[in-house]
Amino acid sequence: MNVEKLREIISLYRSYFEKRGIAKKEFSNLQYQYYIVGDDLLAQCHWMLGKMEEFTNQGQSGLEKAFRWLGFIQGCLASQQCFTIKQLREQSRS
């Protein structure tokens, strides 16, 4: 996957969250100690998209981090039944 494709996926997921009224929410360190599900989990993912965009401008190390975060977000989207595994796989293909 290249940077342009990553940015396309970020845009796709941002649109998904916005259409569903899911806010952006950065978790505190304390919140990471608890199980987070549903809209709270998706709000964290929505917030992460903005940081991922920043990472895409930071060279190879930033891209590696953005790709790790993408995997996390896609796992959350699958676990919350937002997309099927097949849909997520197709979204990531160039």
C-alpha atoms as a PDB file:
ATOM      1  CA  MET A   1       0.000   0.000   0.000  1.00  0.00           C
ATOM      2  CA  ASN A   2       1.306   3.461  -0.829  1.00  0.00           C
ATOM      3  CA  VAL A   3       0.774   6.817   0.882  1.00  0.00           C
ATOM      4  CA  GLU A   4      -1.981   7.881  -1.512  1.00  0.00           C
ATOM      5  CA  LYS A   5      -3.947   4.700  -0.807  1.00  0.00           C
ATOM      6  CA  LEU A   6      -3.488   5.179   2.937  1.00  0.00           C
ATOM      7  CA  ARG A   7      -4.829   8.745   2.687  1.00  0.00           C
ATOM      8  CA  GLU A   8      -7.780   7.447   0.660  1.00  0.00           C
ATOM      9  CA  ILE A   9      -8.615   4.935   3.407  1.00  0.00           C
ATOM     10  CA  ILE A  10      -8.275   7.615   6.091  1.00  0.00           C
ATOM     11  CA  SER A  11     -10.766   9.738   4.159  1.00  0.00           C
ATOM     12  CA  LEU A  12     -13.130   6.785   3.730  1.00  0.00           C
ATOM     13  CA  TYR A  13     -13.159   5.995   7.449  1.00  0.00           C
ATOM     14  CA  ARG A  14     -13.463   9.650   8.445  1.00  0.00           C
ATOM     15  CA  SER A  15     -16.530   9.934   6.213  1.00  0.00           C
ATOM     16  CA  TYR A  16     -17.954   6.759   7.758  1.00  0.00           C
ATOM     17  CA  PHE A  17     -17.579   8.129  11.290  1.00  0.00           C
ATOM     18  CA  GLU A  18     -18.930  11.566  10.397  1.00  0.00           C
ATOM     19  CA  LYS A  19     -22.014  10.161   8.638  1.00  0.00           C
ATOM     20  CA  ARG A  20     -22.815   8.214  11.796  1.00  0.00           C
ATOM     21  CA  GLY A  21     -22.245  11.163  14.120  1.00  0.00           C
ATOM     22  CA  ILE A  22     -19.303   9.536  15.875  1.00  0.00           C
ATOM     23  CA  ALA A  23     -17.219  12.231  17.563  1.00  0.00           C
ATOM     24  CA  LYS A  24     -13.440  12.325  17.832  1.00  0.00           C
ATOM     25  CA  LYS A  25     -12.148  11.461  21.281  1.00  0.00           C
ATOM     26  CA  GLU A  26      -8.593  11.002  22.483  1.00  0.00           C
ATOM     27  CA  PHE A  27      -8.395   8.590  25.374  1.00  0.00           C
ATOM     28  CA  SER A  28      -6.515   9.428  28.519  1.00  0.00           C
ATOM     29  CA  ASN A  29      -3.895   7.030  29.851  1.00  0.00           C
ATOM     30  CA  LEU A  30      -6.384   5.978  32.527  1.00  0.00           C
ATOM     31  CA  GLN A  31      -8.982   4.980  29.937  1.00  0.00           C
ATOM     32  CA  TYR A  32      -6.532   2.598  28.279  1.00  0.00           C
ATOM     33  CA  GLN A  33      -6.737   0.432  31.406  1.00  0.00           C
ATOM     34  CA  TYR A  34     -10.388  -0.458  30.806  1.00  0.00           C
ATOM     35  CA  TYR A  35     -12.368  -2.275  28.141  1.00  0.00           C
ATOM     36  CA  ILE A  36     -13.704   0.225  25.655  1.00  0.00           C
ATOM     37  CA  VAL A  37     -16.394  -0.775  23.153  1.00  0.00           C
ATOM     38  CA  GLY A  38     -19.032   0.708  20.906  1.00  0.00           C
ATOM     39  CA  ASP A  39     -19.087   4.384  20.034  1.00  0.00           C
ATOM     40  CA  ASP A  40     -16.355   5.206  22.563  1.00  0.00           C
ATOM     41  CA  LEU A  41     -13.980   2.846  20.794  1.00  0.00           C
ATOM     42  CA  LEU A  42     -14.973   4.226  17.405  1.00  0.00           C
ATOM     43  CA  ALA A  43     -14.529   7.808  18.687  1.00  0.00           C
ATOM     44  CA  GLN A  44     -10.929   6.931  19.573  1.00  0.00           C
ATOM     45  CA  CYS A  45     -10.458   5.501  16.073  1.00  0.00           C
ATOM     46  CA  HIS A  46     -11.917   8.674  14.566  1.00  0.00           C
ATOM     47  CA  TRP A  47      -9.405  10.761  16.533  1.00  0.00           C
ATOM     48  CA  MET A  48      -6.573   8.470  15.433  1.00  0.00           C
ATOM     49  CA  LEU A  49      -7.237   9.256  11.759  1.00  0.00           C
ATOM     50  CA  GLY A  50      -6.056  12.848  12.181  1.00  0.00           C
ATOM     51  CA  LYS A  51      -2.836  11.707  13.812  1.00  0.00           C
ATOM     52  CA  MET A  52      -2.336   9.176  11.030  1.00  0.00           C
ATOM     53  CA  GLU A  53      -2.463  11.988   8.476  1.00  0.00           C
ATOM     54  CA  GLU A  54       0.317  13.726  10.385  1.00  0.00           C
ATOM     55  CA  PHE A  55       2.357  10.508  10.377  1.00  0.00           C
ATOM     56  CA  THR A  56       2.139  10.299   6.570  1.00  0.00           C
ATOM     57  CA  ASN A  57       4.265  13.461   6.382  1.00  0.00           C
ATOM     58  CA  GLN A  58       7.005  12.148   8.700  1.00  0.00           C
ATOM     59  CA  GLY A  59       8.912   9.820   6.421  1.00  0.00           C
ATOM     60  CA  GLN A  60       9.266   6.071   6.694  1.00  0.00           C
ATOM     61  CA  SER A  61       9.001   5.850  10.492  1.00  0.00           C
ATOM     62  CA  GLY A  62       5.775   7.871  10.406  1.00  0.00           C
ATOM     63  CA  LEU A  63       4.348   5.660   7.690  1.00  0.00           C
ATOM     64  CA  GLU A  64       5.159   2.520   9.654  1.00  0.00           C
ATOM     65  CA  LYS A  65       3.283   3.906  12.637  1.00  0.00           C
ATOM     66  CA  ALA A  66       0.346   4.946  10.440  1.00  0.00           C
ATOM     67  CA  PHE A  67       0.119   1.421   9.030  1.00  0.00           C
ATOM     68  CA  ARG A  68       0.125  -0.082  12.547  1.00  0.00           C
ATOM     69  CA  TRP A  69      -2.646   2.305  13.549  1.00  0.00           C
ATOM     70  CA  LEU A  70      -4.586   1.378  10.414  1.00  0.00           C
ATOM     71  CA  GLY A  71      -4.451  -2.267  11.485  1.00  0.00           C
ATOM     72  CA  PHE A  72      -5.766  -1.333  14.921  1.00  0.00           C
ATOM     73  CA  ILE A  73      -8.589   0.739  13.453  1.00  0.00           C
ATOM     74  CA  GLN A  74      -9.554  -1.991  11.012  1.00  0.00           C
ATOM     75  CA  GLY A  75      -9.614  -4.509  13.859  1.00  0.00           C
ATOM     76  CA  CYS A  76     -11.920  -2.209  15.803  1.00  0.00           C
ATOM     77  CA  LEU A  77     -14.167  -1.695  12.775  1.00  0.00           C
ATOM     78  CA  ALA A  78     -14.435  -5.452  12.317  1.00  0.00           C
ATOM     79  CA  SER A  79     -15.069  -6.126  16.001  1.00  0.00           C
ATOM     80  CA  GLN A  80     -17.831  -3.496  16.109  1.00  0.00           C
ATOM     81  CA  GLN A  81     -19.382  -4.979  12.945  1.00  0.00           C
ATOM     82  CA  CYS A  82     -18.919  -1.785  10.917  1.00  0.00           C
ATOM     83  CA  PHE A  83     -17.348  -3.642   8.000  1.00  0.00           C
ATOM     84  CA  THR A  84     -16.773  -7.279   7.185  1.00  0.00           C
ATOM     85  CA  ILE A  85     -13.243  -8.647   6.953  1.00  0.00           C
ATOM     86  CA  LYS A  86     -13.759  -8.972   3.204  1.00  0.00           C
ATOM     87  CA  GLN A  87     -14.746  -5.298   2.913  1.00  0.00           C
ATOM     88  CA  LEU A  88     -11.740  -4.194   4.952  1.00  0.00           C
ATOM     89  CA  ARG A  89      -9.417  -6.302   2.834  1.00  0.00           C
ATOM     90  CA  GLU A  90     -10.853  -4.853  -0.384  1.00  0.00           C
ATOM     91  CA  GLN A  91     -10.548  -1.298   0.959  1.00  0.00           C
ATOM     92  CA  SER A  92      -6.834  -1.833   1.555  1.00  0.00           C
ATOM     93  CA  ARG A  93      -6.037  -3.194  -1.872  1.00  0.00           C
ATOM     94  CA  SER A  94      -4.406  -0.868  -4.375  1.00  0.00           C
END
